[in-house]
Every structure is written in structure tokens, then in C-alpha cells.
Amino acid sequence: MEESTNHNLFTDIARRNFLVKQFFQANDVSIDLLGDINNPLVVTEDNIVLSCYVSNFNLIFKDDSFEGNESFTIKLKNDPAVLKDKLVSWINYASHRKIYIFTSDEGLYYSKFIRIYNGKLPLFSPSKELAYYVFQRQKAVEMVQKLKKDKIKLSIVL
């Protein structure tokens, strides 16, 4: 019985995250979901984390990433709401956060590294959704420099 409950929970989370992507796609906003599947970051093509989050099947839009007030909420459905004007207006007036992600010379996204016998082995992914990210530019620069010492060459995606 517990296995069935866990399967249903995972299926609900995957469906909800699909509906988040579908909503933004229907409103001509290109996004990726990064981080924890239970509480993913909604990230634009320009690596801006939108000030919104999902709770169950509600997508909640805030005016600021941290202690912001709720601007509006939509219910995620199979037939996504088309709110282009309202969404563009919200994107323009709300405060959002920038993230920094990393790529290799081949254009693959840096995910993490694993320690091996004689150093570190970087892991890369073609999917942005698996990318490692940081919120501060200085931290991103430090990370690139630190990994460069281990012969791991990365570029910061701006």
C-alpha cells in the first residue's frame, strides 16, 4: 500500500510540473524547472528565477522572491489559462532573482563533480534542468576558478 501511495505522489508531482511548463508555454514564456522536483525554481531563458512557486496544483505569483506578497494565483489544469498580458505585466513589475549556471566548451551543462582516486570527475548534462546553479555572481566566479585548478574548464552562462 505504501509503494502505491509513493507512486501516486510521484505521478502527481510529475503531472503538476508538466502543467506548470504547459501554462508558461501557452503564454509564450519559455521556462525550465530547476532544482527539487517538489519545489522547483521556475527559470527563464535568461536564467532569471521568477518569483512564483507551486503548491499542490496552484501556481502562486508573488511580487518579490523573498518575503513578497501574493499577486495572484492560478489553478493548473490540462487546458492552461491564457493570461499573456497579466503575465507580462507581472514579469515586468515583480522582483525576480538571477541565477548563474555553467557550461562546458561543448555546450553541456555542468551538474556536479564526483571525487575519484586522483581528483575530481565533472558530470555534465545536455539538459538545463539538471544544471548546478548559484545565486551570486561572485560565487560563480570563485567556483569556475576553483574547478579550473582541478583542470575542469567551465564558462558562466550570462
Foldseek 3Di string as FASTA:
>chain_A
DVVVVVVVVVVQLVVLVVLVCVQCVLLVFHWDWADDSVWTFTAGPLQKGALWTDDRQKIWHFQENPPTDTPDIDGRDPPHDHDNVVVVVSVVRGDIAHKKWKAAPVGWTWQAWDADDPAIHTDTHNDPRRTDIDRDPVVVVVVQVVVVVRVGHIDIRD
